[in-house]
N, C-alpha and C. Protein backbone atom coordinates (compact mmCIF):
# COMPACT_ATOMS: atom_id res chain seq x y z
N MET A 1 -7.23 17.54 -14.50
CA MET A 1 -5.88 17.43 -15.00
C MET A 1 -5.82 18.04 -16.39
N GLU A 2 -4.80 18.77 -16.65
CA GLU A 2 -4.62 19.41 -17.95
C GLU A 2 -3.82 18.48 -18.86
N TYR A 3 -4.54 17.74 -19.70
CA TYR A 3 -3.91 16.72 -20.54
C TYR A 3 -3.00 17.29 -21.61
N SER A 4 -3.28 18.49 -22.08
CA SER A 4 -2.50 19.04 -23.18
C SER A 4 -1.02 19.21 -22.83
N LYS A 5 -0.70 19.41 -21.57
CA LYS A 5 0.71 19.58 -21.22
C LYS A 5 1.48 18.26 -21.25
N TYR A 6 0.76 17.15 -21.48
CA TYR A 6 1.40 15.84 -21.60
C TYR A 6 1.23 15.25 -23.00
N SER A 7 1.00 16.11 -23.97
CA SER A 7 0.81 15.64 -25.35
C SER A 7 2.11 15.05 -25.89
N LYS A 8 1.97 14.31 -26.97
CA LYS A 8 3.15 13.74 -27.64
C LYS A 8 4.11 14.86 -28.04
N ASP A 9 3.56 15.96 -28.54
CA ASP A 9 4.41 17.09 -28.94
C ASP A 9 5.22 17.62 -27.76
N GLU A 10 4.60 17.71 -26.58
CA GLU A 10 5.31 18.23 -25.41
C GLU A 10 6.45 17.30 -25.01
N PHE A 11 6.21 15.99 -25.07
CA PHE A 11 7.29 15.06 -24.75
C PHE A 11 8.41 15.15 -25.78
N GLU A 12 8.06 15.28 -27.05
CA GLU A 12 9.08 15.38 -28.08
C GLU A 12 9.85 16.68 -27.98
N LYS A 13 9.16 17.76 -27.60
CA LYS A 13 9.85 19.05 -27.41
C LYS A 13 10.83 18.98 -26.25
N ALA A 14 10.54 18.14 -25.27
CA ALA A 14 11.42 18.04 -24.10
C ALA A 14 12.79 17.49 -24.48
N GLY A 15 12.83 16.69 -25.54
CA GLY A 15 14.12 16.21 -26.03
C GLY A 15 14.43 14.78 -25.65
N ILE A 16 15.14 14.13 -26.54
CA ILE A 16 15.52 12.73 -26.33
C ILE A 16 16.53 12.64 -25.19
N ASN A 17 16.27 11.68 -24.27
CA ASN A 17 17.15 11.43 -23.12
C ASN A 17 17.45 12.69 -22.31
N SER A 18 16.45 13.55 -22.16
CA SER A 18 16.68 14.80 -21.44
C SER A 18 16.11 14.74 -20.03
N THR A 19 16.67 15.56 -19.18
CA THR A 19 16.11 15.68 -17.83
C THR A 19 14.73 16.30 -17.89
N GLN A 20 14.46 17.12 -18.90
CA GLN A 20 13.14 17.73 -19.05
C GLN A 20 12.08 16.68 -19.36
N ALA A 21 12.43 15.70 -20.20
CA ALA A 21 11.48 14.63 -20.53
C ALA A 21 11.20 13.78 -19.30
N ARG A 22 12.23 13.48 -18.52
CA ARG A 22 12.04 12.68 -17.29
C ARG A 22 11.17 13.47 -16.31
N ALA A 23 11.44 14.78 -16.18
CA ALA A 23 10.65 15.61 -15.27
C ALA A 23 9.18 15.67 -15.70
N LEU A 24 8.94 15.72 -17.00
CA LEU A 24 7.57 15.75 -17.52
C LEU A 24 6.86 14.44 -17.20
N ALA A 25 7.54 13.33 -17.39
CA ALA A 25 6.96 12.02 -17.05
C ALA A 25 6.69 11.92 -15.55
N ASP A 26 7.61 12.43 -14.73
CA ASP A 26 7.41 12.42 -13.28
C ASP A 26 6.20 13.25 -12.88
N LYS A 27 6.04 14.41 -13.49
CA LYS A 27 4.89 15.28 -13.19
C LYS A 27 3.59 14.61 -13.63
N LEU A 28 3.61 13.91 -14.74
CA LEU A 28 2.43 13.18 -15.19
C LEU A 28 2.03 12.13 -14.15
N GLU A 29 3.01 11.41 -13.62
CA GLU A 29 2.73 10.42 -12.57
C GLU A 29 2.01 11.08 -11.39
N GLU A 30 2.53 12.22 -10.94
CA GLU A 30 1.93 12.94 -9.81
C GLU A 30 0.49 13.37 -10.12
N ASP A 31 0.29 13.93 -11.31
CA ASP A 31 -1.04 14.42 -11.67
C ASP A 31 -2.05 13.29 -11.82
N VAL A 32 -1.62 12.15 -12.36
CA VAL A 32 -2.53 11.01 -12.49
C VAL A 32 -2.91 10.50 -11.10
N LEU A 33 -1.95 10.41 -10.21
CA LEU A 33 -2.25 9.95 -8.85
C LEU A 33 -3.23 10.90 -8.17
N GLN A 34 -3.03 12.18 -8.31
CA GLN A 34 -3.96 13.15 -7.72
C GLN A 34 -5.35 13.01 -8.32
N ALA A 35 -5.41 12.78 -9.63
CA ALA A 35 -6.71 12.64 -10.31
C ALA A 35 -7.45 11.39 -9.84
N LEU A 36 -6.74 10.32 -9.55
CA LEU A 36 -7.36 9.06 -9.15
C LEU A 36 -7.59 8.92 -7.66
N ASP A 37 -6.88 9.70 -6.85
CA ASP A 37 -6.86 9.50 -5.41
C ASP A 37 -8.25 9.51 -4.77
N ALA A 38 -9.08 10.47 -5.08
CA ALA A 38 -10.40 10.56 -4.44
C ALA A 38 -11.24 9.32 -4.75
N GLU A 39 -11.19 8.86 -5.99
CA GLU A 39 -11.98 7.69 -6.37
C GLU A 39 -11.44 6.41 -5.72
N ILE A 40 -10.14 6.26 -5.70
CA ILE A 40 -9.54 5.08 -5.08
C ILE A 40 -9.82 5.09 -3.57
N GLY A 41 -9.64 6.25 -2.95
CA GLY A 41 -9.90 6.36 -1.51
C GLY A 41 -11.34 6.04 -1.16
N ALA A 42 -12.27 6.52 -1.95
CA ALA A 42 -13.69 6.24 -1.70
C ALA A 42 -14.00 4.75 -1.88
N ALA A 43 -13.45 4.14 -2.91
CA ALA A 43 -13.68 2.71 -3.14
C ALA A 43 -13.07 1.87 -2.02
N PHE A 44 -11.89 2.24 -1.56
CA PHE A 44 -11.24 1.50 -0.48
C PHE A 44 -12.03 1.67 0.82
N ALA A 45 -12.56 2.85 1.05
CA ALA A 45 -13.39 3.09 2.24
C ALA A 45 -14.63 2.21 2.23
N LYS A 46 -15.21 1.97 1.06
CA LYS A 46 -16.38 1.08 0.97
C LYS A 46 -15.99 -0.35 1.34
N VAL A 47 -14.82 -0.78 0.89
CA VAL A 47 -14.34 -2.12 1.24
C VAL A 47 -14.17 -2.23 2.75
N ILE A 48 -13.55 -1.22 3.36
CA ILE A 48 -13.33 -1.21 4.81
C ILE A 48 -14.68 -1.28 5.53
N SER A 49 -15.63 -0.49 5.08
CA SER A 49 -16.96 -0.48 5.70
C SER A 49 -17.63 -1.84 5.63
N ARG A 50 -17.55 -2.47 4.47
CA ARG A 50 -18.16 -3.80 4.30
C ARG A 50 -17.48 -4.83 5.20
N LEU A 51 -16.17 -4.77 5.31
CA LEU A 51 -15.46 -5.71 6.18
C LEU A 51 -15.82 -5.47 7.65
N ASN A 52 -15.97 -4.22 8.02
CA ASN A 52 -16.37 -3.91 9.39
C ASN A 52 -17.77 -4.44 9.68
N LYS A 53 -18.64 -4.43 8.69
CA LYS A 53 -19.99 -5.00 8.87
C LYS A 53 -19.93 -6.52 9.03
N GLU A 54 -18.82 -7.11 8.60
CA GLU A 54 -18.63 -8.55 8.73
C GLU A 54 -17.89 -8.91 10.01
N GLY A 55 -17.77 -7.95 10.93
CA GLY A 55 -17.20 -8.23 12.24
C GLY A 55 -15.82 -7.68 12.52
N HIS A 56 -15.17 -7.15 11.53
CA HIS A 56 -13.85 -6.55 11.76
C HIS A 56 -14.04 -5.17 12.38
N ASP A 57 -12.96 -4.64 12.93
CA ASP A 57 -13.00 -3.31 13.53
C ASP A 57 -11.83 -2.50 12.98
N LEU A 58 -11.82 -2.35 11.67
CA LEU A 58 -10.72 -1.66 11.00
C LEU A 58 -10.85 -0.15 11.14
N SER A 59 -9.72 0.47 11.42
CA SER A 59 -9.68 1.93 11.44
C SER A 59 -8.37 2.38 10.81
N GLN A 60 -8.33 3.63 10.43
CA GLN A 60 -7.15 4.19 9.79
C GLN A 60 -5.96 4.06 10.72
N TYR A 61 -4.87 3.51 10.21
CA TYR A 61 -3.69 3.26 11.04
C TYR A 61 -2.66 4.37 10.92
N SER A 62 -2.48 4.89 9.74
CA SER A 62 -1.48 5.94 9.52
C SER A 62 -2.12 7.05 8.70
N GLU A 63 -1.44 8.19 8.68
CA GLU A 63 -1.95 9.31 7.90
C GLU A 63 -2.07 8.89 6.44
N ILE A 64 -3.22 9.17 5.88
CA ILE A 64 -3.42 8.81 4.48
C ILE A 64 -2.81 9.89 3.59
N VAL A 65 -1.94 9.43 2.71
CA VAL A 65 -1.36 10.30 1.70
C VAL A 65 -1.83 9.76 0.36
N PRO A 66 -1.83 10.57 -0.68
CA PRO A 66 -2.30 10.08 -1.97
C PRO A 66 -1.62 8.77 -2.37
N GLY A 67 -2.45 7.78 -2.64
CA GLY A 67 -1.94 6.50 -3.10
C GLY A 67 -1.56 5.52 -2.01
N GLU A 68 -1.69 5.90 -0.75
CA GLU A 68 -1.33 5.00 0.35
C GLU A 68 -2.42 5.02 1.40
N TYR A 69 -3.01 3.84 1.64
CA TYR A 69 -4.11 3.71 2.59
C TYR A 69 -3.82 2.49 3.46
N GLU A 70 -3.86 2.67 4.78
CA GLU A 70 -3.59 1.54 5.67
C GLU A 70 -4.58 1.55 6.82
N PHE A 71 -5.20 0.40 7.02
CA PHE A 71 -6.18 0.21 8.08
C PHE A 71 -5.81 -1.04 8.87
N ARG A 72 -6.08 -0.98 10.18
CA ARG A 72 -5.82 -2.14 11.05
C ARG A 72 -6.96 -2.28 12.04
N GLY A 73 -7.13 -3.52 12.49
CA GLY A 73 -8.09 -3.78 13.55
C GLY A 73 -7.54 -3.25 14.86
N LYS A 74 -8.43 -3.12 15.85
CA LYS A 74 -8.00 -2.65 17.17
C LYS A 74 -7.10 -3.69 17.82
N GLN A 75 -6.10 -3.19 18.55
CA GLN A 75 -5.17 -4.08 19.23
C GLN A 75 -5.87 -4.83 20.36
N SER A 76 -5.59 -6.13 20.42
CA SER A 76 -6.10 -6.97 21.49
C SER A 76 -5.05 -8.04 21.75
N ASP A 77 -4.58 -8.11 22.98
CA ASP A 77 -3.56 -9.09 23.35
C ASP A 77 -2.32 -9.00 22.45
N GLY A 78 -1.94 -7.80 22.09
CA GLY A 78 -0.74 -7.60 21.29
C GLY A 78 -0.91 -7.85 19.80
N ASN A 79 -2.11 -8.19 19.38
CA ASN A 79 -2.38 -8.43 17.97
C ASN A 79 -3.33 -7.37 17.44
N CYS A 80 -3.20 -7.08 16.17
CA CYS A 80 -4.07 -6.06 15.58
C CYS A 80 -5.20 -6.65 14.75
N GLY A 81 -5.28 -7.97 14.68
CA GLY A 81 -6.31 -8.56 13.84
C GLY A 81 -6.00 -8.31 12.37
N LEU A 82 -7.02 -8.04 11.62
CA LEU A 82 -6.85 -7.83 10.18
C LEU A 82 -6.14 -6.52 9.90
N ARG A 83 -5.23 -6.57 8.97
CA ARG A 83 -4.57 -5.36 8.44
C ARG A 83 -4.83 -5.36 6.95
N LEU A 84 -5.26 -4.22 6.44
CA LEU A 84 -5.53 -4.09 5.01
C LEU A 84 -4.95 -2.77 4.52
N ALA A 85 -4.11 -2.87 3.50
CA ALA A 85 -3.46 -1.68 2.97
C ALA A 85 -3.57 -1.67 1.46
N CYS A 86 -3.47 -0.50 0.90
CA CYS A 86 -3.49 -0.33 -0.55
C CYS A 86 -2.43 0.71 -0.90
N VAL A 87 -1.54 0.34 -1.79
CA VAL A 87 -0.51 1.26 -2.27
C VAL A 87 -0.64 1.34 -3.79
N VAL A 88 -0.85 2.53 -4.29
CA VAL A 88 -1.04 2.74 -5.72
C VAL A 88 0.26 3.29 -6.31
N VAL A 89 0.71 2.67 -7.38
CA VAL A 89 1.92 3.12 -8.06
C VAL A 89 1.54 3.52 -9.48
N ILE A 90 1.84 4.73 -9.83
CA ILE A 90 1.64 5.23 -11.19
C ILE A 90 3.03 5.35 -11.81
N SER A 91 3.20 4.76 -12.96
CA SER A 91 4.50 4.79 -13.62
C SER A 91 4.33 5.35 -15.03
N ALA A 92 5.11 6.36 -15.35
CA ALA A 92 5.05 6.97 -16.68
C ALA A 92 6.45 7.08 -17.26
N SER A 93 6.54 6.82 -18.51
CA SER A 93 7.80 7.06 -19.22
C SER A 93 7.47 7.28 -20.69
N TYR A 94 8.41 7.77 -21.38
CA TYR A 94 8.26 7.96 -22.82
C TYR A 94 9.49 7.31 -23.42
N SER A 95 9.38 6.77 -24.60
CA SER A 95 10.46 5.93 -25.14
C SER A 95 11.83 6.58 -25.02
N HIS A 96 11.90 7.86 -25.10
CA HIS A 96 13.22 8.48 -25.04
C HIS A 96 13.63 8.90 -23.63
N THR A 97 12.86 8.48 -22.62
CA THR A 97 13.30 8.78 -21.24
C THR A 97 14.03 7.60 -20.62
N VAL A 98 14.16 6.52 -21.38
CA VAL A 98 14.81 5.32 -20.89
C VAL A 98 16.15 5.15 -21.58
N ASP A 99 17.20 4.99 -20.78
CA ASP A 99 18.51 4.74 -21.39
C ASP A 99 18.57 3.29 -21.88
N GLU A 100 19.19 3.09 -23.01
CA GLU A 100 19.33 1.74 -23.55
C GLU A 100 20.75 1.27 -23.39
């Protein structure tokens, strides 16, 4: 991630209460999520693996997109057993991107 494009100077250059400042904060949220996604996904996969070793049969339930992971047990008698999901929310703002 290129941190310099999110410097204090860049936010101040975007302008107080501007759409540019909001867009910069939104882009920062996206970039942080992308930067963390591989690590979060790997850590969550370890949890799933450990639970499966404890008798669960969790598998990926839906397409994994950055920040959203969902696993469910195999269906049996209309039930899926354990369901485990993780949703990551990154929130960024700068004091002048919030209306008062």
